[in-house]
């Protein structure tokens, strides 16, 4: 379960989102950027991530292969 975890991308990664008109759009998130997982993977292996205040879909396998899980900051304080 990855929900709530943050990942720093080590390589650029293709994601899919929606435009204001509801059309699917693709974006490339650059290496070094941080995304937060906001849902578990669906039956196709896609999960939702939040990046720059926008919601995108990314394959779980891509996120795990191209990113590194960041430490949970809430555990560091408690």
PDB file of N, CA and C in Angstrom:
ATOM      1  N   UNK A   1       0.842  -1.178   0.000  1.00  0.00           N
ATOM      2  CA  UNK A   1       0.000   0.000   0.000  1.00  0.00           C
ATOM      3  C   UNK A   1       0.892   1.248   0.000  1.00  0.00           C
ATOM      4  N   UNK A   2       0.757   2.058  -1.017  1.00  0.00           N
ATOM      5  CA  UNK A   2       1.621   3.229  -1.177  1.00  0.00           C
ATOM      6  C   UNK A   2       0.928   4.547  -0.828  1.00  0.00           C
ATOM      7  N   UNK A   3      -0.378   4.509  -0.577  1.00  0.00           N
ATOM      8  CA  UNK A   3      -1.129   5.732  -0.311  1.00  0.00           C
ATOM      9  C   UNK A   3      -0.487   6.536   0.815  1.00  0.00           C
ATOM     10  N   UNK A   4      -0.295   7.829   0.566  1.00  0.00           N
ATOM     11  CA  UNK A   4       0.286   8.730   1.550  1.00  0.00           C
ATOM     12  C   UNK A   4       1.798   8.853   1.466  1.00  0.00           C
ATOM     13  N   UNK A   5       2.443   7.962   0.718  1.00  0.00           N
ATOM     14  CA  UNK A   5       3.899   8.021   0.599  1.00  0.00           C
ATOM     15  C   UNK A   5       4.325   9.042  -0.445  1.00  0.00           C
ATOM     16  N   UNK A   6       5.512   9.592  -0.250  1.00  0.00           N
ATOM     17  CA  UNK A   6       6.092  10.531  -1.208  1.00  0.00           C
ATOM     18  C   UNK A   6       7.286   9.870  -1.873  1.00  0.00           C
ATOM     19  N   UNK A   7       7.448  10.174  -3.150  1.00  0.00           N
ATOM     20  CA  UNK A   7       8.559   9.634  -3.932  1.00  0.00           C
ATOM     21  C   UNK A   7       9.286  10.767  -4.634  1.00  0.00           C
ATOM     22  N   UNK A   8      10.616  10.706  -4.641  1.00  0.00           N
ATOM     23  CA  UNK A   8      11.433  11.593  -5.470  1.00  0.00           C
ATOM     24  C   UNK A   8      11.770  10.806  -6.722  1.00  0.00           C
ATOM     25  N   UNK A   9      11.472  11.385  -7.868  1.00  0.00           N
ATOM     26  CA  UNK A   9      11.745  10.701  -9.128  1.00  0.00           C
ATOM     27  C   UNK A   9      13.221  10.819  -9.480  1.00  0.00           C
ATOM     28  N   UNK A  10      13.829   9.703  -9.823  1.00  0.00           N
ATOM     29  CA  UNK A  10      15.236   9.680 -10.223  1.00  0.00           C
ATOM     30  C   UNK A  10      15.394   9.800 -11.728  1.00  0.00           C
ATOM     31  N   UNK A  11      14.314   9.555 -12.454  1.00  0.00           N
ATOM     32  CA  UNK A  11      14.299   9.703 -13.919  1.00  0.00           C
ATOM     33  C   UNK A  11      12.973  10.339 -14.301  1.00  0.00           C
ATOM     34  N   UNK A  12      12.976  11.030 -15.413  1.00  0.00           N
ATOM     35  CA  UNK A  12      11.725  11.643 -15.858  1.00  0.00           C
ATOM     36  C   UNK A  12      10.691  10.548 -16.093  1.00  0.00           C
ATOM     37  N   UNK A  13       9.432  10.903 -15.830  1.00  0.00           N
ATOM     38  CA  UNK A  13       8.367   9.910 -15.842  1.00  0.00           C
ATOM     39  C   UNK A  13       7.127  10.489 -16.513  1.00  0.00           C
ATOM     40  N   UNK A  14       6.544   9.711 -17.392  1.00  0.00           N
ATOM     41  CA  UNK A  14       5.329  10.111 -18.098  1.00  0.00           C
ATOM     42  C   UNK A  14       4.119   9.838 -17.213  1.00  0.00           C
ATOM     43  N   UNK A  15       3.229  10.830 -17.126  1.00  0.00           N
ATOM     44  CA  UNK A  15       2.000  10.698 -16.352  1.00  0.00           C
ATOM     45  C   UNK A  15       0.828  11.162 -17.210  1.00  0.00           C
ATOM     46  N   UNK A  16      -0.377  10.806 -16.796  1.00  0.00           N
ATOM     47  CA  UNK A  16      -1.594  11.199 -17.515  1.00  0.00           C
ATOM     48  C   UNK A  16      -2.503  11.935 -16.541  1.00  0.00           C
ATOM     49  N   UNK A  17      -3.071  13.041 -17.004  1.00  0.00           N
ATOM     50  CA  UNK A  17      -4.001  13.814 -16.196  1.00  0.00           C
ATOM     51  C   UNK A  17      -5.191  14.220 -17.025  1.00  0.00           C
ATOM     52  N   UNK A  18      -5.985  15.156 -16.495  1.00  0.00           N
ATOM     53  CA  UNK A  18      -7.133  15.673 -17.229  1.00  0.00           C
ATOM     54  C   UNK A  18      -7.037  17.181 -17.327  1.00  0.00           C
ATOM     55  N   UNK A  19      -7.423  17.691 -18.491  1.00  0.00           N
ATOM     56  CA  UNK A  19      -7.464  19.136 -18.686  1.00  0.00           C
ATOM     57  C   UNK A  19      -8.746  19.682 -18.064  1.00  0.00           C
ATOM     58  N   UNK A  20      -8.893  20.984 -18.069  1.00  0.00           N
ATOM     59  CA  UNK A  20     -10.092  21.620 -17.532  1.00  0.00           C
ATOM     60  C   UNK A  20     -11.344  21.210 -18.305  1.00  0.00           C
ATOM     61  N   UNK A  21     -11.166  20.790 -19.552  1.00  0.00           N
ATOM     62  CA  UNK A  21     -12.311  20.364 -20.364  1.00  0.00           C
ATOM     63  C   UNK A  21     -12.588  18.870 -20.243  1.00  0.00           C
ATOM     64  N   UNK A  22     -11.787  18.166 -19.421  1.00  0.00           N
ATOM     65  CA  UNK A  22     -12.006  16.744 -19.206  1.00  0.00           C
ATOM     66  C   UNK A  22     -11.254  15.826 -20.146  1.00  0.00           C
ATOM     67  N   UNK A  23     -10.469  16.394 -21.037  1.00  0.00           N
ATOM     68  CA  UNK A  23      -9.672  15.572 -21.971  1.00  0.00           C
ATOM     69  C   UNK A  23      -8.427  15.054 -21.269  1.00  0.00           C
ATOM     70  N   UNK A  24      -8.000  13.863 -21.668  1.00  0.00           N
ATOM     71  CA  UNK A  24      -6.765  13.309 -21.130  1.00  0.00           C
ATOM     72  C   UNK A  24      -5.572  14.064 -21.704  1.00  0.00           C
ATOM     73  N   UNK A  25      -4.632  14.381 -20.848  1.00  0.00           N
ATOM     74  CA  UNK A  25      -3.404  15.050 -21.260  1.00  0.00           C
ATOM     75  C   UNK A  25      -2.225  14.306 -20.653  1.00  0.00           C
ATOM     76  N   UNK A  26      -1.118  14.310 -21.343  1.00  0.00           N
ATOM     77  CA  UNK A  26       0.092  13.702 -20.805  1.00  0.00           C
ATOM     78  C   UNK A  26       1.048  14.793 -20.352  1.00  0.00           C
ATOM     79  N   UNK A  27       1.857  14.434 -19.396  1.00  0.00           N
ATOM     80  CA  UNK A  27       2.892  15.346 -18.904  1.00  0.00           C
ATOM     81  C   UNK A  27       4.111  14.504 -18.565  1.00  0.00           C
ATOM     82  N   UNK A  28       5.247  15.132 -18.569  1.00  0.00           N
ATOM     83  CA  UNK A  28       6.473  14.471 -18.141  1.00  0.00           C
ATOM     84  C   UNK A  28       6.959  15.174 -16.892  1.00  0.00           C
ATOM     85  N   UNK A  29       7.100  14.407 -15.829  1.00  0.00           N
ATOM     86  CA  UNK A  29       7.622  14.956 -14.584  1.00  0.00           C
ATOM     87  C   UNK A  29       9.134  14.732 -14.586  1.00  0.00           C
ATOM     88  N   UNK A  30       9.863  15.788 -14.376  1.00  0.00           N
ATOM     89  CA  UNK A  30      11.324  15.739 -14.446  1.00  0.00           C
ATOM     90  C   UNK A  30      11.928  15.006 -13.265  1.00  0.00           C
ATOM     91  N   UNK A  31      13.117  14.476 -13.481  1.00  0.00           N
ATOM     92  CA  UNK A  31      13.887  13.860 -12.400  1.00  0.00           C
ATOM     93  C   UNK A  31      14.101  14.895 -11.304  1.00  0.00           C
ATOM     94  N   UNK A  32      14.032  14.451 -10.061  1.00  0.00           N
ATOM     95  CA  UNK A  32      14.220  15.342  -8.922  1.00  0.00           C
ATOM     96  C   UNK A  32      12.926  15.860  -8.329  1.00  0.00           C
ATOM     97  N   UNK A  33      11.848  15.774  -9.070  1.00  0.00           N
ATOM     98  CA  UNK A  33      10.551  16.239  -8.576  1.00  0.00           C
ATOM     99  C   UNK A  33       9.989  15.235  -7.572  1.00  0.00           C
ATOM    100  N   UNK A  34       9.120  15.723  -6.691  1.00  0.00           N
ATOM    101  CA  UNK A  34       8.513  14.875  -5.668  1.00  0.00           C
ATOM    102  C   UNK A  34       7.018  14.776  -5.919  1.00  0.00           C
ATOM    103  N   UNK A  35       6.511  13.546  -5.851  1.00  0.00           N
ATOM    104  CA  UNK A  35       5.072  13.301  -5.997  1.00  0.00           C
ATOM    105  C   UNK A  35       4.579  12.611  -4.737  1.00  0.00           C
ATOM    106  N   UNK A  36       3.294  12.784  -4.446  1.00  0.00           N
ATOM    107  CA  UNK A  36       2.672  12.124  -3.301  1.00  0.00           C
ATOM    108  C   UNK A  36       1.587  11.192  -3.815  1.00  0.00           C
ATOM    109  N   UNK A  37       1.600   9.962  -3.372  1.00  0.00           N
ATOM    110  CA  UNK A  37       0.602   8.977  -3.785  1.00  0.00           C
ATOM    111  C   UNK A  37      -0.673   9.222  -2.988  1.00  0.00           C
ATOM    112  N   UNK A  38      -1.807   9.354  -3.703  1.00  0.00           N
ATOM    113  CA  UNK A  38      -3.075   9.637  -3.028  1.00  0.00           C
ATOM    114  C   UNK A  38      -4.100   8.521  -3.195  1.00  0.00           C
ATOM    115  N   UNK A  39      -3.764   7.455  -3.926  1.00  0.00           N
ATOM    116  CA  UNK A  39      -4.664   6.301  -4.020  1.00  0.00           C
ATOM    117  C   UNK A  39      -3.856   5.053  -4.313  1.00  0.00           C
ATOM    118  N   UNK A  40      -4.411   3.933  -3.919  1.00  0.00           N
ATOM    119  CA  UNK A  40      -3.786   2.655  -4.248  1.00  0.00           C
ATOM    120  C   UNK A  40      -3.991   2.351  -5.722  1.00  0.00           C
ATOM    121  N   UNK A  41      -3.195   1.438  -6.239  1.00  0.00           N
ATOM    122  CA  UNK A  41      -3.278   1.069  -7.652  1.00  0.00           C
ATOM    123  C   UNK A  41      -4.623   0.416  -7.959  1.00  0.00           C
ATOM    124  N   UNK A  42      -5.142   0.724  -9.144  1.00  0.00           N
ATOM    125  CA  UNK A  42      -6.366   0.080  -9.593  1.00  0.00           C
ATOM    126  C   UNK A  42      -6.022  -1.249 -10.252  1.00  0.00           C
ATOM    127  N   UNK A  43      -6.991  -1.898 -10.856  1.00  0.00           N
ATOM    128  CA  UNK A  43      -6.759  -3.224 -11.442  1.00  0.00           C
ATOM    129  C   UNK A  43      -5.809  -3.190 -12.635  1.00  0.00           C
ATOM    130  N   UNK A  44      -5.547  -2.001 -13.175  1.00  0.00           N
ATOM    131  CA  UNK A  44      -4.615  -1.852 -14.299  1.00  0.00           C
ATOM    132  C   UNK A  44      -3.209  -1.464 -13.838  1.00  0.00           C
ATOM    133  N   UNK A  45      -3.035  -1.293 -12.526  1.00  0.00           N
ATOM    134  CA  UNK A  45      -1.732  -0.916 -12.000  1.00  0.00           C
ATOM    135  C   UNK A  45      -1.504   0.579 -11.961  1.00  0.00           C
ATOM    136  N   UNK A  46      -2.550   1.377 -12.210  1.00  0.00           N
ATOM    137  CA  UNK A  46      -2.436   2.834 -12.172  1.00  0.00           C
ATOM    138  C   UNK A  46      -2.774   3.351 -10.781  1.00  0.00           C
ATOM    139  N   UNK A  47      -2.014   4.318 -10.334  1.00  0.00           N
ATOM    140  CA  UNK A  47      -2.367   4.975  -9.089  1.00  0.00           C
ATOM    141  C   UNK A  47      -2.370   6.472  -9.301  1.00  0.00           C
ATOM    142  N   UNK A  48      -3.003   7.187  -8.386  1.00  0.00           N
ATOM    143  CA  UNK A  48      -3.087   8.640  -8.455  1.00  0.00           C
ATOM    144  C   UNK A  48      -1.960   9.255  -7.656  1.00  0.00           C
ATOM    145  N   UNK A  49      -1.324  10.260  -8.245  1.00  0.00           N
ATOM    146  CA  UNK A  49      -0.292  11.014  -7.535  1.00  0.00           C
ATOM    147  C   UNK A  49      -0.607  12.495  -7.645  1.00  0.00           C
ATOM    148  N   UNK A  50      -0.183  13.226  -6.649  1.00  0.00           N
ATOM    149  CA  UNK A  50      -0.339  14.671  -6.630  1.00  0.00           C
ATOM    150  C   UNK A  50       1.015  15.290  -6.922  1.00  0.00           C
ATOM    151  N   UNK A  51       1.045  16.176  -7.923  1.00  0.00           N
ATOM    152  CA  UNK A  51       2.280  16.876  -8.295  1.00  0.00           C
ATOM    153  C   UNK A  51       1.906  18.302  -8.668  1.00  0.00           C
ATOM    154  N   UNK A  52       2.556  19.256  -8.035  1.00  0.00           N
ATOM    155  CA  UNK A  52       2.306  20.679  -8.277  1.00  0.00           C
ATOM    156  C   UNK A  52       0.819  21.010  -8.168  1.00  0.00           C
ATOM    157  N   UNK A  53       0.158  20.387  -7.206  1.00  0.00           N
ATOM    158  CA  UNK A  53      -1.250  20.682  -6.949  1.00  0.00           C
ATOM    159  C   UNK A  53      -2.232  20.054  -7.920  1.00  0.00           C
ATOM    160  N   UNK A  54      -1.748  19.206  -8.814  1.00  0.00           N
ATOM    161  CA  UNK A  54      -2.615  18.554  -9.808  1.00  0.00           C
ATOM    162  C   UNK A  54      -2.558  17.052  -9.638  1.00  0.00           C
ATOM    163  N   UNK A  55      -3.657  16.405  -9.988  1.00  0.00           N
ATOM    164  CA  UNK A  55      -3.769  14.968  -9.874  1.00  0.00           C
ATOM    165  C   UNK A  55      -3.406  14.304 -11.200  1.00  0.00           C
ATOM    166  N   UNK A  56      -2.545  13.297 -11.134  1.00  0.00           N
ATOM    167  CA  UNK A  56      -2.125  12.551 -12.318  1.00  0.00           C
ATOM    168  C   UNK A  56      -2.189  11.059 -12.033  1.00  0.00           C
ATOM    169  N   UNK A  57      -2.263  10.267 -13.106  1.00  0.00           N
ATOM    170  CA  UNK A  57      -2.161   8.809 -13.019  1.00  0.00           C
ATOM    171  C   UNK A  57      -0.776   8.398 -13.476  1.00  0.00           C
ATOM    172  N   UNK A  58      -0.214   7.417 -12.778  1.00  0.00           N
ATOM    173  CA  UNK A  58       1.074   6.859 -13.150  1.00  0.00           C
ATOM    174  C   UNK A  58       1.018   5.365 -12.832  1.00  0.00           C
ATOM    175  N   UNK A  59       1.723   4.578 -13.618  1.00  0.00           N
ATOM    176  CA  UNK A  59       1.779   3.156 -13.326  1.00  0.00           C
ATOM    177  C   UNK A  59       2.617   2.935 -12.069  1.00  0.00           C
ATOM    178  N   UNK A  60       2.126   2.080 -11.184  1.00  0.00           N
ATOM    179  CA  UNK A  60       2.831   1.776  -9.944  1.00  0.00           C
ATOM    180  C   UNK A  60       4.239   1.257 -10.231  1.00  0.00           C
ATOM    181  N   UNK A  61       4.372   0.414 -11.223  1.00  0.00           N
ATOM    182  CA  UNK A  61       5.683  -0.157 -11.555  1.00  0.00           C
ATOM    183  C   UNK A  61       6.660   0.935 -12.010  1.00  0.00           C
ATOM    184  N   UNK A  62       6.161   1.949 -12.736  1.00  0.00           N
ATOM    185  CA  UNK A  62       7.024   3.063 -13.149  1.00  0.00           C
ATOM    186  C   UNK A  62       7.479   3.875 -11.937  1.00  0.00           C
ATOM    187  N   UNK A  63       6.552   4.143 -11.031  1.00  0.00           N
ATOM    188  CA  UNK A  63       6.896   4.927  -9.848  1.00  0.00           C
ATOM    189  C   UNK A  63       7.949   4.209  -9.007  1.00  0.00           C
ATOM    190  N   UNK A  64       7.777   2.908  -8.820  1.00  0.00           N
ATOM    191  CA  UNK A  64       8.734   2.156  -8.012  1.00  0.00           C
ATOM    192  C   UNK A  64      10.090   2.013  -8.707  1.00  0.00           C
ATOM    193  N   UNK A  65      10.080   1.890 -10.045  1.00  0.00           N
ATOM    194  CA  UNK A  65      11.335   1.725 -10.785  1.00  0.00           C
ATOM    195  C   UNK A  65      12.079   3.045 -10.970  1.00  0.00           C
ATOM    196  N   UNK A  66      11.348   4.145 -11.067  1.00  0.00           N
ATOM    197  CA  UNK A  66      11.963   5.433 -11.393  1.00  0.00           C
ATOM    198  C   UNK A  66      12.101   6.369 -10.207  1.00  0.00           C
ATOM    199  N   UNK A  67      11.524   5.984  -9.072  1.00  0.00           N
ATOM    200  CA  UNK A  67      11.550   6.873  -7.919  1.00  0.00           C
ATOM    201  C   UNK A  67      12.110   6.211  -6.690  1.00  0.00           C
ATOM    202  N   UNK A  68      12.379   7.043  -5.701  1.00  0.00           N
ATOM    203  CA  UNK A  68      12.820   6.530  -4.411  1.00  0.00           C
ATOM    204  C   UNK A  68      11.862   7.035  -3.351  1.00  0.00           C
ATOM    205  N   UNK A  69      11.439   6.116  -2.502  1.00  0.00           N
ATOM    206  CA  UNK A  69      10.507   6.458  -1.439  1.00  0.00           C
ATOM    207  C   UNK A  69      11.208   7.363  -0.440  1.00  0.00           C
ATOM    208  N   UNK A  70      10.551   8.447  -0.080  1.00  0.00           N
ATOM    209  CA  UNK A  70      11.104   9.371   0.903  1.00  0.00           C
ATOM    210  C   UNK A  70      10.649   8.963   2.301  1.00  0.00           C
ATOM    211  N   UNK A  71      11.474   9.240   3.299  1.00  0.00           N
ATOM    212  CA  UNK A  71      11.087   8.905   4.676  1.00  0.00           C
ATOM    213  C   UNK A  71       9.800   9.623   5.069  1.00  0.00           C
ATOM    214  N   UNK A  72       9.027   8.976   5.899  1.00  0.00           N
ATOM    215  CA  UNK A  72       7.775   9.552   6.394  1.00  0.00           C
ATOM    216  C   UNK A  72       8.128  10.585   7.465  1.00  0.00           C
ATOM    217  N   UNK A  73       7.902  11.857   7.162  1.00  0.00           N
ATOM    218  CA  UNK A  73       8.299  12.931   8.083  1.00  0.00           C
ATOM    219  C   UNK A  73       7.483  12.902   9.377  1.00  0.00           C
ATOM    220  N   UNK A  74       6.266  12.365   9.352  1.00  0.00           N
ATOM    221  CA  UNK A  74       5.460  12.327  10.570  1.00  0.00           C
ATOM    222  C   UNK A  74       6.045  11.351  11.576  1.00  0.00           C
ATOM    223  N   UNK A  75       6.699  10.302  11.118  1.00  0.00           N
ATOM    224  CA  UNK A  75       7.324   9.335  12.029  1.00  0.00           C
ATOM    225  C   UNK A  75       8.586   9.897  12.641  1.00  0.00           C
ATOM    226  N   UNK A  76       9.255  10.789  11.947  1.00  0.00           N
ATOM    227  CA  UNK A  76      10.500  11.367  12.452  1.00  0.00           C
ATOM    228  C   UNK A  76      10.250  12.244  13.675  1.00  0.00           C
ATOM    229  N   UNK A  77       9.025  12.753  13.802  1.00  0.00           N
ATOM    230  CA  UNK A  77       8.705  13.652  14.907  1.00  0.00           C
ATOM    231  C   UNK A  77       7.946  12.964  16.042  1.00  0.00           C
ATOM    232  N   UNK A  78       7.689  11.685  15.904  1.00  0.00           N
ATOM    233  CA  UNK A  78       6.846  11.097  16.906  1.00  0.00           C
ATOM    234  C   UNK A  78       7.345   9.863  17.464  1.00  0.00           C
TER     235      UNK A  78
END
